[in-house]
PDB file of N, CA and C in Angstrom:
ATOM      1  N   MET A   1      22.906 173.544-101.420  1.00  0.00           N
ATOM      2  CA  MET A   1      22.559 172.491-100.497  1.00  0.00           C
ATOM      3  C   MET A   1      23.025 171.162-101.084  1.00  0.00           C
ATOM      4  N   VAL A   2      23.758 170.422-100.323  1.00  0.00           N
ATOM      5  CA  VAL A   2      24.266 169.127-100.760  1.00  0.00           C
ATOM      6  C   VAL A   2      23.392 168.050-100.144  1.00  0.00           C
ATOM      7  N   LEU A   3      22.839 167.210-100.977  1.00  0.00           N
ATOM      8  CA  LEU A   3      21.917 166.197-100.479  1.00  0.00           C
ATOM      9  C   LEU A   3      22.620 164.963 -99.941  1.00  0.00           C
ATOM     10  N   HIS A   4      23.596 164.473-100.665  1.00  0.00           N
ATOM     11  CA  HIS A   4      24.199 163.195-100.281  1.00  0.00           C
ATOM     12  C   HIS A   4      25.650 163.308 -99.845  1.00  0.00           C
ATOM     13  N   VAL A   5      26.253 164.419-100.020  1.00  0.00           N
ATOM     14  CA  VAL A   5      27.654 164.661 -99.684  1.00  0.00           C
ATOM     15  C   VAL A   5      28.494 163.553-100.299  1.00  0.00           C
ATOM     16  N   ALA A   6      29.519 163.074 -99.642  1.00  0.00           N
ATOM     17  CA  ALA A   6      30.410 162.074-100.208  1.00  0.00           C
ATOM     18  C   ALA A   6      29.790 160.684-100.209  1.00  0.00           C
ATOM     19  N   LEU A   7      28.952 160.404 -99.228  1.00  0.00           N
ATOM     20  CA  LEU A   7      28.338 159.079 -99.144  1.00  0.00           C
ATOM     21  C   LEU A   7      27.408 158.837-100.335  1.00  0.00           C
ATOM     22  N   GLY A   8      26.779 159.902-100.842  1.00  0.00           N
ATOM     23  CA  GLY A   8      25.841 159.754-101.949  1.00  0.00           C
ATOM     24  C   GLY A   8      26.488 159.321-103.251  1.00  0.00           C
ATOM     25  N   VAL A   9      27.741 159.636-103.434  1.00  0.00           N
ATOM     26  CA  VAL A   9      28.427 159.242-104.670  1.00  0.00           C
ATOM     27  C   VAL A   9      29.415 158.103-104.438  1.00  0.00           C
ATOM     28  N   SER A  10      29.350 157.502-103.295  1.00  0.00           N
ATOM     29  CA  SER A  10      30.190 156.331-103.057  1.00  0.00           C
ATOM     30  C   SER A  10      29.473 155.094-103.578  1.00  0.00           C
ATOM     31  N   ASN A  11      30.164 153.979-103.608  1.00  0.00           N
ATOM     32  CA  ASN A  11      29.533 152.757-104.096  1.00  0.00           C
ATOM     33  C   ASN A  11      28.643 152.094-103.047  1.00  0.00           C
ATOM     34  N   GLU A  12      28.448 152.759-101.907  1.00  0.00           N
ATOM     35  CA  GLU A  12      27.599 152.217-100.852  1.00  0.00           C
ATOM     36  C   GLU A  12      26.157 152.706-100.953  1.00  0.00           C
ATOM     37  N   MET A  13      25.883 153.603-101.873  1.00  0.00           N
ATOM     38  CA  MET A  13      24.543 154.147-102.040  1.00  0.00           C
ATOM     39  C   MET A  13      24.082 153.934-103.484  1.00  0.00           C
ATOM     40  N   PRO A  14      22.767 153.814-103.715  1.00  0.00           N
ATOM     41  CA  PRO A  14      22.272 153.541-105.068  1.00  0.00           C
ATOM     42  C   PRO A  14      22.467 154.695-106.050  1.00  0.00           C
ATOM     43  N   LEU A  15      22.641 155.919-105.571  1.00  0.00           N
ATOM     44  CA  LEU A  15      22.793 157.052-106.462  1.00  0.00           C
ATOM     45  C   LEU A  15      24.012 156.900-107.373  1.00  0.00           C
ATOM     46  N   ALA A  16      25.101 156.409-106.844  1.00  0.00           N
ATOM     47  CA  ALA A  16      26.309 156.248-107.654  1.00  0.00           C
ATOM     48  C   ALA A  16      26.086 155.263-108.790  1.00  0.00           C
ATOM     49  N   SER A  17      25.422 154.161-108.521  1.00  0.00           N
ATOM     50  CA  SER A  17      25.191 153.187-109.590  1.00  0.00           C
ATOM     51  C   SER A  17      24.226 153.737-110.644  1.00  0.00           C
ATOM     52  N   VAL A  18      23.257 154.531-110.213  1.00  0.00           N
ATOM     53  CA  VAL A  18      22.339 155.137-111.166  1.00  0.00           C
ATOM     54  C   VAL A  18      23.079 156.133-112.045  1.00  0.00           C
ATOM     55  N   LEU A  19      23.928 156.953-111.438  1.00  0.00           N
ATOM     56  CA  LEU A  19      24.684 157.942-112.209  1.00  0.00           C
ATOM     57  C   LEU A  19      25.663 157.276-113.172  1.00  0.00           C
ATOM     58  N   LEU A  20      26.275 156.196-112.752  1.00  0.00           N
ATOM     59  CA  LEU A  20      27.233 155.515-113.622  1.00  0.00           C
ATOM     60  C   LEU A  20      26.545 154.691-114.707  1.00  0.00           C
ATOM     61  N   ALA A  21      25.363 154.161-114.429  1.00  0.00           N
ATOM     62  CA  ALA A  21      24.675 153.319-115.404  1.00  0.00           C
ATOM     63  C   ALA A  21      23.934 154.136-116.452  1.00  0.00           C
ATOM     64  N   GLY A  22      23.641 155.399-116.182  1.00  0.00           N
ATOM     65  CA  GLY A  22      22.880 156.227-117.111  1.00  0.00           C
ATOM     66  C   GLY A  22      23.474 156.308-118.504  1.00  0.00           C
ATOM     67  N   PRO A  23      24.705 156.753-118.652  1.00  0.00           N
ATOM     68  CA  PRO A  23      25.294 156.842-119.995  1.00  0.00           C
ATOM     69  C   PRO A  23      25.437 155.477-120.674  1.00  0.00           C
ATOM     70  N   VAL A  24      25.763 154.453-119.901  1.00  0.00           N
ATOM     71  CA  VAL A  24      25.916 153.112-120.479  1.00  0.00           C
ATOM     72  C   VAL A  24      24.582 152.618-121.010  1.00  0.00           C
ATOM     73  N   MET A  25      23.502 152.810-120.237  1.00  0.00           N
ATOM     74  CA  MET A  25      22.189 152.363-120.684  1.00  0.00           C
ATOM     75  C   MET A  25      21.706 153.189-121.879  1.00  0.00           C
ATOM     76  N   GLY A  26      22.130 154.443-121.950  1.00  0.00           N
ATOM     77  CA  GLY A  26      21.796 155.257-123.114  1.00  0.00           C
ATOM     78  C   GLY A  26      22.394 154.677-124.378  1.00  0.00           C
ATOM     79  N   LEU A  27      23.610 154.175-124.288  1.00  0.00           N
ATOM     80  CA  LEU A  27      24.245 153.542-125.447  1.00  0.00           C
ATOM     81  C   LEU A  27      23.608 152.197-125.754  1.00  0.00           C
ATOM     82  N   ALA A  28      23.337 151.421-124.722  1.00  0.00           N
ATOM     83  CA  ALA A  28      22.781 150.089-124.939  1.00  0.00           C
ATOM     84  C   ALA A  28      21.333 150.156-125.427  1.00  0.00           C
ATOM     85  N   ASP A  29      20.606 151.167-125.004  1.00  0.00           N
ATOM     86  CA  ASP A  29      19.190 151.276-125.328  1.00  0.00           C
ATOM     87  C   ASP A  29      18.949 151.889-126.700  1.00  0.00           C
ATOM     88  N   GLY A  30      19.903 152.548-127.265  1.00  0.00           N
ATOM     89  CA  GLY A  30      19.756 153.143-128.588  1.00  0.00           C
ATOM     90  C   GLY A  30      19.754 154.657-128.526  1.00  0.00           C
ATOM     91  N   PRO A  31      19.947 155.290-129.673  1.00  0.00           N
ATOM     92  CA  PRO A  31      20.021 156.750-129.701  1.00  0.00           C
ATOM     93  C   PRO A  31      18.688 157.414-129.359  1.00  0.00           C
ATOM     94  N   THR A  32      18.792 158.613-128.877  1.00  0.00           N
ATOM     95  CA  THR A  32      17.611 159.379-128.507  1.00  0.00           C
ATOM     96  C   THR A  32      16.714 159.618-129.714  1.00  0.00           C
ATOM     97  N   GLU A  33      17.304 159.810-130.892  1.00  0.00           N
ATOM     98  CA  GLU A  33      16.512 160.055-132.095  1.00  0.00           C
ATOM     99  C   GLU A  33      15.585 158.880-132.394  1.00  0.00           C
ATOM    100  N   VAL A  34      16.045 157.668-132.136  1.00  0.00           N
ATOM    101  CA  VAL A  34      15.206 156.487-132.359  1.00  0.00           C
ATOM    102  C   VAL A  34      14.002 156.528-131.433  1.00  0.00           C
ATOM    103  N   HIS A  35      14.214 156.923-130.191  1.00  0.00           N
ATOM    104  CA  HIS A  35      13.116 157.016-129.234  1.00  0.00           C
ATOM    105  C   HIS A  35      12.132 158.108-129.648  1.00  0.00           C
ATOM    106  N   LYS A  36      12.651 159.227-130.150  1.00  0.00           N
ATOM    107  CA  LYS A  36      11.771 160.305-130.596  1.00  0.00           C
ATOM    108  C   LYS A  36      10.882 159.832-131.742  1.00  0.00           C
ATOM    109  N   VAL A  37      11.450 159.107-132.686  1.00  0.00           N
ATOM    110  CA  VAL A  37      10.673 158.606-133.822  1.00  0.00           C
ATOM    111  C   VAL A  37       9.632 157.599-133.343  1.00  0.00           C
ATOM    112  N   THR A  38      10.016 156.731-132.418  1.00  0.00           N
ATOM    113  CA  THR A  38       9.078 155.735-131.905  1.00  0.00           C
ATOM    114  C   THR A  38       7.906 156.390-131.192  1.00  0.00           C
ATOM    115  N   VAL A  39       8.185 157.374-130.346  1.00  0.00           N
ATOM    116  CA  VAL A  39       7.119 158.074-129.630  1.00  0.00           C
ATOM    117  C   VAL A  39       6.244 158.848-130.617  1.00  0.00           C
ATOM    118  N   ALA A  40       6.863 159.507-131.597  1.00  0.00           N
ATOM    119  CA  ALA A  40       6.082 160.254-132.589  1.00  0.00           C
ATOM    120  C   ALA A  40       5.152 159.329-133.362  1.00  0.00           C
ATOM    121  N   ARG A  41       5.619 158.158-133.737  1.00  0.00           N
ATOM    122  CA  ARG A  41       4.764 157.213-134.455  1.00  0.00           C
ATOM    123  C   ARG A  41       3.580 156.775-133.597  1.00  0.00           C
ATOM    124  N   GLN A  42       3.823 156.532-132.314  1.00  0.00           N
ATOM    125  CA  GLN A  42       2.743 156.104-131.432  1.00  0.00           C
ATOM    126  C   GLN A  42       1.731 157.225-131.209  1.00  0.00           C
ATOM    127  N   VAL A  43       2.203 158.452-131.066  1.00  0.00           N
ATOM    128  CA  VAL A  43       1.306 159.582-130.821  1.00  0.00           C
ATOM    129  C   VAL A  43       0.497 159.905-132.073  1.00  0.00           C
ATOM    130  N   LEU A  44       1.127 159.839-133.237  1.00  0.00           N
ATOM    131  CA  LEU A  44       0.464 160.243-134.477  1.00  0.00           C
ATOM    132  C   LEU A  44      -0.195 159.086-135.215  1.00  0.00           C
ATOM    133  N   ARG A  45      -0.249 157.924-134.625  1.00  0.00           N
ATOM    134  CA  ARG A  45      -0.773 156.729-135.279  1.00  0.00           C
ATOM    135  C   ARG A  45      -2.195 156.908-135.801  1.00  0.00           C
ATOM    136  N   ASP A  46      -3.074 157.520-135.026  1.00  0.00           N
ATOM    137  CA  ASP A  46      -4.479 157.648-135.411  1.00  0.00           C
ATOM    138  C   ASP A  46      -4.793 158.965-136.121  1.00  0.00           C
ATOM    139  N   ARG A  47      -3.798 159.772-136.386  1.00  0.00           N
ATOM    140  CA  ARG A  47      -4.011 161.070-137.039  1.00  0.00           C
ATOM    141  C   ARG A  47      -3.983 160.909-138.550  1.00  0.00           C
ATOM    142  N   ARG A  48      -4.703 161.761-139.232  1.00  0.00           N
ATOM    143  CA  ARG A  48      -4.734 161.784-140.689  1.00  0.00           C
ATOM    144  C   ARG A  48      -4.317 163.174-141.160  1.00  0.00           C
ATOM    145  N   PRO A  49      -3.697 163.267-142.342  1.00  0.00           N
ATOM    146  CA  PRO A  49      -3.298 164.589-142.835  1.00  0.00           C
ATOM    147  C   PRO A  49      -4.509 165.466-143.149  1.00  0.00           C
ATOM    148  N   ALA A  50      -4.293 166.758-143.106  1.00  0.00           N
ATOM    149  CA  ALA A  50      -5.365 167.705-143.398  1.00  0.00           C
ATOM    150  C   ALA A  50      -5.731 167.646-144.873  1.00  0.00           C
ATOM    151  N   GLU A  51      -6.994 167.911-145.155  1.00  0.00           N
ATOM    152  CA  GLU A  51      -7.451 167.963-146.543  1.00  0.00           C
ATOM    153  C   GLU A  51      -6.892 169.212-147.212  1.00  0.00           C
ATOM    154  N   GLY A  52      -6.543 169.127-148.464  1.00  0.00           N
ATOM    155  CA  GLY A  52      -6.083 170.291-149.220  1.00  0.00           C
ATOM    156  C   GLY A  52      -4.610 170.573-149.035  1.00  0.00           C
ATOM    157  N   GLU A  53      -4.225 171.759-149.491  1.00  0.00           N
ATOM    158  CA  GLU A  53      -2.807 172.128-149.489  1.00  0.00           C
ATOM    159  C   GLU A  53      -2.330 172.695-148.159  1.00  0.00           C
ATOM    160  N   TRP A  54      -3.228 173.262-147.374  1.00  0.00           N
ATOM    161  CA  TRP A  54      -2.843 173.987-146.172  1.00  0.00           C
ATOM    162  C   TRP A  54      -3.299 173.247-144.922  1.00  0.00           C
ATOM    163  N   PRO A  55      -2.661 173.533-143.786  1.00  0.00           N
ATOM    164  CA  PRO A  55      -3.109 172.953-142.515  1.00  0.00           C
ATOM    165  C   PRO A  55      -4.538 173.394-142.196  1.00  0.00           C
ATOM    166  N   SER A  56      -5.199 172.638-141.349  1.00  0.00           N
ATOM    167  CA  SER A  56      -6.612 172.895-141.064  1.00  0.00           C
ATOM    168  C   SER A  56      -6.854 174.242-140.391  1.00  0.00           C
ATOM    169  N   GLN A  57      -5.886 174.817-139.720  1.00  0.00           N
ATOM    170  CA  GLN A  57      -6.084 176.090-139.029  1.00  0.00           C
ATOM    171  C   GLN A  57      -5.496 177.270-139.804  1.00  0.00           C
ATOM    172  N   HIS A  58      -5.256 177.116-141.095  1.00  0.00           N
ATOM    173  CA  HIS A  58      -4.725 178.191-141.934  1.00  0.00           C
ATOM    174  C   HIS A  58      -5.777 179.298-142.024  1.00  0.00           C
ATOM    175  N   ILE A  59      -5.451 180.491-141.549  1.00  0.00           N
ATOM    176  CA  ILE A  59      -6.431 181.564-141.389  1.00  0.00           C
ATOM    177  C   ILE A  59      -7.067 181.994-142.714  1.00  0.00           C
ATOM    178  N   PRO A  60      -6.308 182.248-143.783  1.00  0.00           N
ATOM    179  CA  PRO A  60      -6.974 182.640-145.038  1.00  0.00           C
ATOM    180  C   PRO A  60      -7.943 181.572-145.559  1.00  0.00           C
ATOM    181  N   THR A  61      -7.601 180.303-145.402  1.00  0.00           N
ATOM    182  CA  THR A  61      -8.497 179.231-145.837  1.00  0.00           C
ATOM    183  C   THR A  61      -9.760 179.204-144.990  1.00  0.00           C
ATOM    184  N   ARG A  62      -9.612 179.336-143.689  1.00  0.00           N
ATOM    185  CA  ARG A  62     -10.785 179.345-142.804  1.00  0.00           C
ATOM    186  C   ARG A  62     -11.665 180.554-143.077  1.00  0.00           C
ATOM    187  N   LEU A  63     -11.048 181.708-143.353  1.00  0.00           N
ATOM    188  CA  LEU A  63     -11.807 182.918-143.644  1.00  0.00           C
ATOM    189  C   LEU A  63     -12.632 182.737-144.913  1.00  0.00           C
ATOM    190  N   ALA A  64     -12.055 182.127-145.933  1.00  0.00           N
ATOM    191  CA  ALA A  64     -12.790 181.869-147.177  1.00  0.00           C
ATOM    192  C   ALA A  64     -13.954 180.912-146.926  1.00  0.00           C
ATOM    193  N   GLU A  65     -13.758 179.904-146.096  1.00  0.00           N
ATOM    194  CA  GLU A  65     -14.830 178.962-145.777  1.00  0.00           C
ATOM    195  C   GLU A  65     -15.977 179.667-145.039  1.00  0.00           C
ATOM    196  N   VAL A  66     -15.631 180.527-144.105  1.00  0.00           N
ATOM    197  CA  VAL A  66     -16.654 181.257-143.346  1.00  0.00           C
ATOM    198  C   VAL A  66     -17.414 182.196-144.269  1.00  0.00           C
ATOM    199  N   ARG A  67     -16.699 182.892-145.140  1.00  0.00           N
ATOM    200  CA  ARG A  67     -17.372 183.790-146.078  1.00  0.00           C
ATOM    201  C   ARG A  67     -18.322 183.018-146.986  1.00  0.00           C
ATOM    202  N   ALA A  68     -17.897 181.838-147.439  1.00  0.00           N
ATOM    203  CA  ALA A  68     -18.760 181.025-148.303  1.00  0.00           C
ATOM    204  C   ALA A  68     -19.989 180.544-147.529  1.00  0.00           C
ATOM    205  N   THR A  69     -19.805 180.180-146.275  1.00  0.00           N
ATOM    206  CA  THR A  69     -20.910 179.686-145.456  1.00  0.00           C
ATOM    207  C   THR A  69     -21.942 180.779-145.181  1.00  0.00           C
ATOM    208  N   TYR A  70     -21.463 181.984-144.882  1.00  0.00           N
ATOM    209  CA  TYR A  70     -22.357 183.066-144.480  1.00  0.00           C
ATOM    210  C   TYR A  70     -22.549 184.115-145.572  1.00  0.00           C
ATOM    211  N   ALA A  71     -22.239 183.786-146.814  1.00  0.00           N
ATOM    212  CA  ALA A  71     -22.331 184.762-147.907  1.00  0.00           C
ATOM    213  C   ALA A  71     -23.748 185.291-148.072  1.00  0.00           C
ATOM    214  N   GLU A  72     -24.735 184.415-147.988  1.00  0.00           N
ATOM    215  CA  GLU A  72     -26.120 184.842-148.176  1.00  0.00           C
ATOM    216  C   GLU A  72     -26.550 185.804-147.065  1.00  0.00           C
ATOM    217  N   ILE A  73     -26.182 185.505-145.846  1.00  0.00           N
ATOM    218  CA  ILE A  73     -26.547 186.380-144.718  1.00  0.00           C
ATOM    219  C   ILE A  73     -25.846 187.720-144.853  1.00  0.00           C
ATOM    220  N   LEU A  74     -24.560 187.687-145.189  1.00  0.00           N
ATOM    221  CA  LEU A  74     -23.807 188.941-145.355  1.00  0.00           C
ATOM    222  C   LEU A  74     -24.383 189.783-146.490  1.00  0.00           C
ATOM    223  N   GLU A  75     -24.740 189.137-147.590  1.00  0.00           N
ATOM    224  CA  GLU A  75     -25.317 189.858-148.731  1.00  0.00           C
ATOM    225  C   GLU A  75     -26.633 190.502-148.326  1.00  0.00           C
ATOM    226  N   HIS A  76     -27.427 189.811-147.553  1.00  0.00           N
ATOM    227  CA  HIS A  76     -28.703 190.337-147.084  1.00  0.00           C
ATOM    228  C   HIS A  76     -28.491 191.552-146.175  1.00  0.00           C
ATOM    229  N   GLU A  77     -27.527 191.459-145.251  1.00  0.00           N
ATOM    230  CA  GLU A  77     -27.235 192.558-144.323  1.00  0.00           C
ATOM    231  C   GLU A  77     -26.683 193.770-145.059  1.00  0.00           C
ATOM    232  N   VAL A  78     -25.797 193.536-146.010  1.00  0.00           N
ATOM    233  CA  VAL A  78     -25.215 194.670-146.756  1.00  0.00           C
ATOM    234  C   VAL A  78     -26.274 195.308-147.633  1.00  0.00           C
ATOM    235  N   GLY A  79     -27.163 194.498-148.203  1.00  0.00           N
ATOM    236  CA  GLY A  79     -28.225 195.030-149.065  1.00  0.00           C
ATOM    237  C   GLY A  79     -29.240 195.859-148.297  1.00  0.00           C
ATOM    238  N   ASN A  80     -29.407 195.616-147.004  1.00  0.00           N
ATOM    239  CA  ASN A  80     -30.386 196.350-146.198  1.00  0.00           C
ATOM    240  C   ASN A  80     -29.828 197.599-145.565  1.00  0.00           C
ATOM    241  N   SER A  81     -28.543 197.891-145.750  1.00  0.00           N
ATOM    242  CA  SER A  81     -28.001 199.086-145.102  1.00  0.00           C
ATOM    243  C   SER A  81     -28.249 200.329-145.895  1.00  0.00           C
TER     244      SER A  81
END
């Protein structure tokens, strides 16, 4: 399906100017990598790194924390079997 046919890419319609200005504005506005870094800085501005060596959702670390938290209950349950 053709939306604009020949008139859409002529200089009489705004689509042609948008299509022609896109690459030029990309050069004038700066590289995409710069935009990625800028957005990443804004998104991660209020974040802090995880404590310790591993990410906060590291399964072996979380498992050790849970075992330490519930060690007394587990010991009691195993002792009563």
